Amino acid sequence: MDEHDLCRLEMRAFFGFDSPSNVIKSNVKIDPSRSPFMKERLEILFSGSDLEEIIKQASEFVSHKTFKVTCLNSIALSSTPKLRQPERRSIERKIGEVIQGEADLLEPEVNFGVVLLEGTWHFGIVDESEPIWRFHMQKPHMYSTALSTRVARAVANIAVPHPEGVRAIDPCCGIGTVLVEARSMGIDIVGRDINPLVCLGSRKNLAHFGLEGEVVKGPIAEVTDTYDAAIIDMPYNLFTHITDEGQLDILKAARRITSKLVIVTIEPMDHMIMEAGFEIVDRCVAKKGTFERQVVVCE
């Protein structure tokens, strides 16, 4: 699946900008396990212009936990070429030998990382991404037209990049693919759908992964609360014959209950979005073969 543009849209949501590089430097702290596109995060403790400076600073560093050191230059990072394995092992050994503490290469309590990036060396704590979304691929209840877990997770992040104090709603939640991803990341989100069977399926999917979350039967028009963000995967399949008027009604109802809306749609609906009173602030296309979905961010 071509998710390059979706990755960039998620990056802009998290950090406020994107980068053509495969590495990004930011003061915004994001758990890499939240994103299906992040491999790891290095929380920098100190930097230096050369490796000897890093080794000197490491010799003054005390680790109260068992540790190992990993050189992260196993691939090309931005304009910095990869380092060959013997060189990486040598760097790891030189730094590991001078850190005051107990090394454990098999089951360390903390993983320190060192990386050369555009002429500067950085040392810090590595937080590796866990592909939690992969475990959600096998749900008890599934739809063939439902979003993939990767896309659903990215869409949840785009809608709610920083969850603290944010309330969200998925008013056409279907089988709950977005709900599962969002709730697993600690996003405060509720679900809703007009189909009682899919509401039941949503609740069972959440329960299957040990997640809690409210799923209510009813149309978006009946929502009385307001939310900081909403996610709408526009209903479509052989059994859902929604009219243009029906889609516009959903968008107008969304405008009433939220100030931020992320829409997933298989057909252009810019004119409806604007007619409902939203402004499009960002977007991308996620492709799977010849099948395309638009992800549109509105405020």
Protein backbone atom coordinates (compact mmCIF):
# COMPACT_ATOMS: atom_id res chain seq x y z
CA MET A 1 0.00 0.00 0.00
CA ASP A 2 1.28 3.46 -0.89
CA GLU A 3 1.03 5.29 2.43
CA HIS A 4 3.84 7.81 1.88
CA ASP A 5 1.45 10.77 1.83
CA LEU A 6 -0.46 9.45 4.85
CA CYS A 7 2.83 9.20 6.75
CA ARG A 8 3.59 12.82 5.90
CA LEU A 9 0.13 13.97 6.98
CA GLU A 10 0.53 12.19 10.31
CA MET A 11 3.98 13.77 10.69
CA ARG A 12 2.53 17.25 10.15
CA ALA A 13 -0.16 16.53 12.74
CA PHE A 14 2.40 15.40 15.33
CA PHE A 15 5.18 17.91 14.76
CA GLY A 16 3.65 20.83 12.84
CA PHE A 17 5.87 20.18 9.80
CA ASP A 18 7.08 17.29 7.71
CA SER A 19 10.49 16.40 6.32
CA PRO A 20 11.68 14.85 3.07
CA SER A 21 14.22 12.96 5.18
CA ASN A 22 13.69 9.60 6.92
CA VAL A 23 14.59 11.23 10.24
CA ILE A 24 13.05 14.19 12.00
CA LYS A 25 14.41 16.35 14.86
CA SER A 26 11.84 17.89 17.16
CA ASN A 27 11.24 18.96 20.75
CA VAL A 28 7.78 17.34 20.57
CA LYS A 29 7.85 14.02 22.43
CA ILE A 30 5.77 11.35 20.69
CA ASP A 31 5.64 7.69 21.73
CA PRO A 32 6.93 5.96 18.56
CA SER A 33 4.56 3.03 19.15
CA ARG A 34 1.67 5.34 18.36
CA SER A 35 2.65 5.63 14.73
CA PRO A 36 2.64 2.77 12.20
CA PHE A 37 5.45 4.64 10.43
CA MET A 38 7.96 5.37 13.22
CA LYS A 39 10.78 2.93 13.94
CA GLU A 40 12.30 4.48 17.04
CA ARG A 41 12.89 7.69 18.99
CA LEU A 42 16.18 8.89 20.44
CA GLU A 43 15.82 11.14 23.47
CA ILE A 44 19.09 13.05 23.28
CA LEU A 45 21.09 13.38 26.51
CA PHE A 46 24.22 14.97 25.02
CA SER A 47 25.84 15.71 21.67
CA GLY A 48 29.33 16.23 20.30
CA SER A 49 31.19 17.23 17.17
CA ASP A 50 33.14 13.96 17.11
CA LEU A 51 33.04 10.48 18.62
CA GLU A 52 35.84 11.21 21.10
CA GLU A 53 33.72 13.97 22.62
CA ILE A 54 30.83 11.52 23.03
CA ILE A 55 33.11 8.93 24.65
CA LYS A 56 34.43 11.58 27.07
CA GLN A 57 30.90 12.62 28.07
CA ALA A 58 29.85 8.97 28.36
CA SER A 59 32.73 8.30 30.77
CA GLU A 60 31.17 10.83 33.17
CA PHE A 61 27.72 9.26 32.78
CA VAL A 62 26.28 6.94 35.44
CA SER A 63 23.58 4.41 34.57
CA HIS A 64 21.60 3.10 37.54
CA LYS A 65 19.97 0.49 35.30
CA THR A 66 21.51 -2.33 33.30
CA PHE A 67 22.14 -1.11 29.78
CA LYS A 68 23.38 -1.74 26.27
CA VAL A 69 24.52 0.71 23.61
CA THR A 70 23.24 0.58 20.03
CA CYS A 71 24.60 2.56 17.09
CA LEU A 72 21.61 3.66 15.03
CA ASN A 73 23.48 4.22 11.76
CA SER A 74 22.44 0.82 10.37
CA ILE A 75 20.74 2.61 7.45
CA ALA A 76 21.35 5.90 5.67
CA LEU A 77 19.83 8.69 7.77
CA SER A 78 19.06 11.83 5.77
CA SER A 79 22.34 12.72 4.03
CA THR A 80 24.42 10.60 6.44
CA PRO A 81 25.41 7.25 4.91
CA LYS A 82 25.05 4.03 6.89
CA LEU A 83 28.01 2.76 8.88
CA ARG A 84 29.20 -0.79 8.29
CA GLN A 85 28.50 -3.33 11.01
CA PRO A 86 32.12 -3.69 12.25
CA GLU A 87 32.33 0.08 12.71
CA ARG A 88 28.99 0.19 14.55
CA ARG A 89 30.06 -2.63 16.90
CA SER A 90 33.34 -0.84 17.61
CA ILE A 91 31.50 2.41 18.45
CA GLU A 92 29.08 0.56 20.74
CA ARG A 93 31.95 -1.16 22.56
CA LYS A 94 33.99 2.02 23.06
CA ILE A 95 31.03 3.87 24.59
CA GLY A 96 29.70 0.92 26.58
CA GLU A 97 33.08 0.32 28.22
CA VAL A 98 33.29 3.82 29.73
CA ILE A 99 29.71 4.20 31.04
CA GLN A 100 29.59 3.71 34.81
CA GLY A 101 27.11 0.90 35.35
CA GLU A 102 26.33 -2.71 34.49
CA ALA A 103 26.07 -3.68 30.84
CA ASP A 104 23.58 -6.35 29.75
CA LEU A 105 23.45 -7.10 26.04
CA LEU A 106 20.56 -9.59 26.27
CA GLU A 107 17.92 -8.03 28.53
CA PRO A 108 18.97 -4.49 29.40
CA GLU A 109 16.68 -2.27 31.43
CA VAL A 110 17.60 0.69 29.22
CA ASN A 111 18.86 0.90 25.65
CA PHE A 112 21.23 3.78 24.97
CA GLY A 113 21.67 4.90 21.39
CA VAL A 114 24.37 6.77 19.55
CA VAL A 115 23.93 8.24 16.10
CA LEU A 116 25.91 10.32 13.64
CA LEU A 117 23.61 12.75 11.90
CA GLU A 118 24.82 15.39 9.45
CA GLY A 119 28.22 15.77 11.07
CA THR A 120 27.09 15.75 14.72
CA TRP A 121 27.07 12.81 17.12
CA HIS A 122 24.15 12.37 19.53
CA PHE A 123 23.82 10.06 22.54
CA GLY A 124 20.59 9.30 24.36
CA ILE A 125 17.88 6.82 25.30
CA VAL A 126 16.33 4.74 22.54
CA ASP A 127 12.59 4.04 22.63
CA GLU A 128 11.76 1.42 20.02
CA SER A 129 8.37 1.25 18.36
CA GLU A 130 6.14 -1.71 19.11
CA PRO A 131 3.78 -2.52 16.20
CA ILE A 132 0.71 -2.70 18.44
CA TRP A 133 -1.56 -2.15 15.44
CA ARG A 134 -0.47 -5.52 14.04
CA PHE A 135 -2.11 -7.30 16.98
CA HIS A 136 -5.40 -5.59 16.11
CA MET A 137 -5.51 -7.02 12.59
CA GLN A 138 -7.27 -10.18 13.77
CA LYS A 139 -10.54 -8.91 15.19
CA PRO A 140 -13.50 -11.14 16.08
CA HIS A 141 -15.67 -8.97 13.81
CA MET A 142 -14.43 -7.49 10.53
CA TYR A 143 -15.72 -5.81 7.38
CA SER A 144 -14.04 -6.17 4.01
CA THR A 145 -14.49 -2.42 3.43
CA ALA A 146 -13.19 -1.35 6.85
CA LEU A 147 -10.02 0.71 7.08
CA SER A 148 -6.81 -1.22 7.59
CA THR A 149 -5.45 -1.00 11.13
CA ARG A 150 -2.46 1.00 9.85
CA VAL A 151 -4.64 3.61 8.16
CA ALA A 152 -7.06 3.70 11.11
CA ARG A 153 -4.20 4.29 13.55
CA ALA A 154 -2.73 7.08 11.44
CA VAL A 155 -6.16 8.72 11.03
CA ALA A 156 -6.69 8.65 14.82
CA ASN A 157 -3.30 10.33 15.28
CA ILE A 158 -4.09 12.95 12.65
CA ALA A 159 -7.37 13.78 14.42
CA VAL A 160 -5.90 13.69 17.95
CA PRO A 161 -2.10 14.05 17.82
CA HIS A 162 -1.89 15.18 21.45
CA PRO A 163 -4.63 13.39 23.45
CA GLU A 164 -4.35 15.10 26.84
CA GLY A 165 -7.64 16.80 27.64
CA VAL A 166 -9.10 16.05 24.20
CA ARG A 167 -12.52 14.41 23.70
CA ALA A 168 -13.25 12.78 20.35
CA ILE A 169 -16.09 10.96 18.61
CA ASP A 170 -16.43 8.53 15.71
CA PRO A 171 -20.12 8.97 14.86
CA CYS A 172 -20.13 6.42 11.99
CA CYS A 173 -17.84 3.95 13.72
CA GLY A 174 -18.86 0.79 11.87
CA ILE A 175 -17.06 -2.25 13.24
CA GLY A 176 -14.81 -0.05 15.40
CA THR A 177 -11.45 -0.16 13.61
CA VAL A 178 -10.68 3.48 14.46
CA LEU A 179 -12.07 3.08 17.98
CA VAL A 180 -9.74 0.16 18.73
CA GLU A 181 -6.66 2.04 17.50
CA ALA A 182 -7.60 5.27 19.26
CA ARG A 183 -8.51 3.66 22.59
CA SER A 184 -5.30 1.58 22.54
CA MET A 185 -3.37 4.88 22.39
CA GLY A 186 -5.26 6.40 25.31
CA ILE A 187 -7.41 8.69 23.18
CA ASP A 188 -10.71 9.58 24.86
CA ILE A 189 -13.10 8.67 22.06
CA VAL A 190 -16.69 7.43 21.88
CA GLY A 191 -18.34 5.57 19.02
CA ARG A 192 -21.75 5.70 17.43
CA ASP A 193 -23.53 4.02 14.51
CA ILE A 194 -27.07 3.65 13.23
CA ASN A 195 -26.64 -0.12 12.74
CA PRO A 196 -27.24 -2.07 15.99
CA LEU A 197 -25.31 -5.09 14.70
CA VAL A 198 -22.12 -3.15 14.02
CA CYS A 199 -22.47 -1.36 17.36
CA LEU A 200 -22.46 -4.78 18.99
CA GLY A 201 -19.50 -5.83 16.85
CA SER A 202 -17.63 -2.67 17.86
CA ARG A 203 -18.18 -3.36 21.54
CA LYS A 204 -16.99 -6.95 21.11
CA ASN A 205 -13.88 -5.84 19.22
CA LEU A 206 -12.98 -3.37 21.96
CA ALA A 207 -13.57 -5.98 24.66
CA HIS A 208 -11.50 -8.55 22.75
CA PHE A 209 -8.42 -6.33 23.13
CA GLY A 210 -9.21 -5.42 26.74
CA LEU A 211 -10.27 -1.89 25.83
CA GLU A 212 -13.13 0.14 27.23
CA GLY A 213 -15.20 2.58 25.24
CA GLU A 214 -18.77 3.72 24.80
CA VAL A 215 -20.55 2.75 21.57
CA VAL A 216 -24.07 4.12 21.17
CA LYS A 217 -26.72 3.23 18.59
CA GLY A 218 -28.14 6.25 16.79
CA PRO A 219 -27.50 8.83 14.07
CA ILE A 220 -25.06 11.69 14.41
CA ALA A 221 -28.04 14.07 14.33
CA GLU A 222 -28.97 12.90 17.85
CA VAL A 223 -25.58 13.78 19.37
CA THR A 224 -26.01 16.54 21.95
CA ASP A 225 -22.47 16.79 23.39
CA THR A 226 -19.64 18.70 21.74
CA TYR A 227 -16.20 17.25 21.03
CA ASP A 228 -12.73 18.57 20.29
CA ALA A 229 -12.36 16.27 17.29
CA ALA A 230 -14.42 13.90 15.16
CA ILE A 231 -13.44 11.17 12.72
CA ILE A 232 -15.85 10.14 9.98
CA ASP A 233 -15.13 7.29 7.59
CA MET A 234 -17.96 8.06 5.17
CA PRO A 235 -20.32 5.06 4.99
CA TYR A 236 -20.10 3.02 1.81
CA ASN A 237 -20.46 -0.59 0.73
CA LEU A 238 -22.98 -2.76 -1.07
CA PHE A 239 -25.42 -2.42 1.82
CA THR A 240 -25.02 1.31 2.48
CA HIS A 241 -26.69 3.44 -0.17
CA ILE A 242 -26.13 6.88 1.28
CA THR A 243 -27.26 9.82 -0.84
CA ASP A 244 -25.42 13.09 -1.36
CA GLU A 245 -28.04 14.69 0.86
CA GLY A 246 -27.33 12.09 3.54
CA GLN A 247 -23.60 12.81 3.39
CA LEU A 248 -24.22 16.55 3.62
CA ASP A 249 -26.50 16.02 6.62
CA ILE A 250 -23.72 14.08 8.36
CA LEU A 251 -21.24 16.88 7.68
CA LYS A 252 -23.64 19.58 8.89
CA ALA A 253 -24.29 17.61 12.07
CA ALA A 254 -20.54 17.23 12.55
CA ARG A 255 -20.09 21.00 12.20
CA ARG A 256 -22.53 21.42 15.08
CA ILE A 257 -20.67 19.09 17.47
CA THR A 258 -16.97 19.60 16.70
CA SER A 259 -14.40 22.20 15.68
CA LYS A 260 -12.07 19.66 14.02
CA LEU A 261 -13.10 16.90 11.63
CA VAL A 262 -11.05 14.26 9.83
CA ILE A 263 -12.97 12.69 6.94
CA VAL A 264 -12.06 9.50 5.12
CA THR A 265 -13.83 9.28 1.77
CA ILE A 266 -13.53 7.37 -1.49
CA GLU A 267 -14.95 10.24 -3.53
CA PRO A 268 -14.24 13.99 -3.65
CA MET A 269 -16.56 15.97 -1.41
CA ASP A 270 -14.83 19.34 -1.05
CA HIS A 271 -17.97 21.23 -2.08
CA MET A 272 -20.03 19.46 0.60
CA ILE A 273 -17.37 20.07 3.24
CA MET A 274 -17.40 23.80 2.52
CA GLU A 275 -21.19 23.91 2.30
CA ALA A 276 -21.33 22.36 5.78
CA GLY A 277 -19.21 25.23 7.09
CA PHE A 278 -15.78 23.57 7.34
CA GLU A 279 -12.47 24.76 5.92
CA ILE A 280 -10.05 22.16 4.54
CA VAL A 281 -6.66 22.67 6.24
CA ASP A 282 -4.73 19.56 5.13
CA ARG A 283 -5.22 16.35 3.18
CA CYS A 284 -3.64 13.32 1.56
CA VAL A 285 -4.48 10.28 -0.55
CA ALA A 286 -3.85 6.75 0.72
CA LYS A 287 -3.66 4.21 -2.11
CA LYS A 288 -4.05 0.46 -2.17
CA GLY A 289 -3.55 -0.73 -5.74
CA THR A 290 -6.08 1.18 -7.81
CA PHE A 291 -8.25 1.90 -4.73
CA GLU A 292 -7.85 5.37 -3.26
CA ARG A 293 -9.07 6.94 -0.05
CA GLN A 294 -8.86 10.64 0.67
CA VAL A 295 -8.06 11.75 4.20
CA VAL A 296 -9.24 15.33 4.65
CA VAL A 297 -8.55 17.47 7.73
CA CYS A 298 -11.18 20.17 8.33
CA GLU A 299 -11.65 22.93 10.87
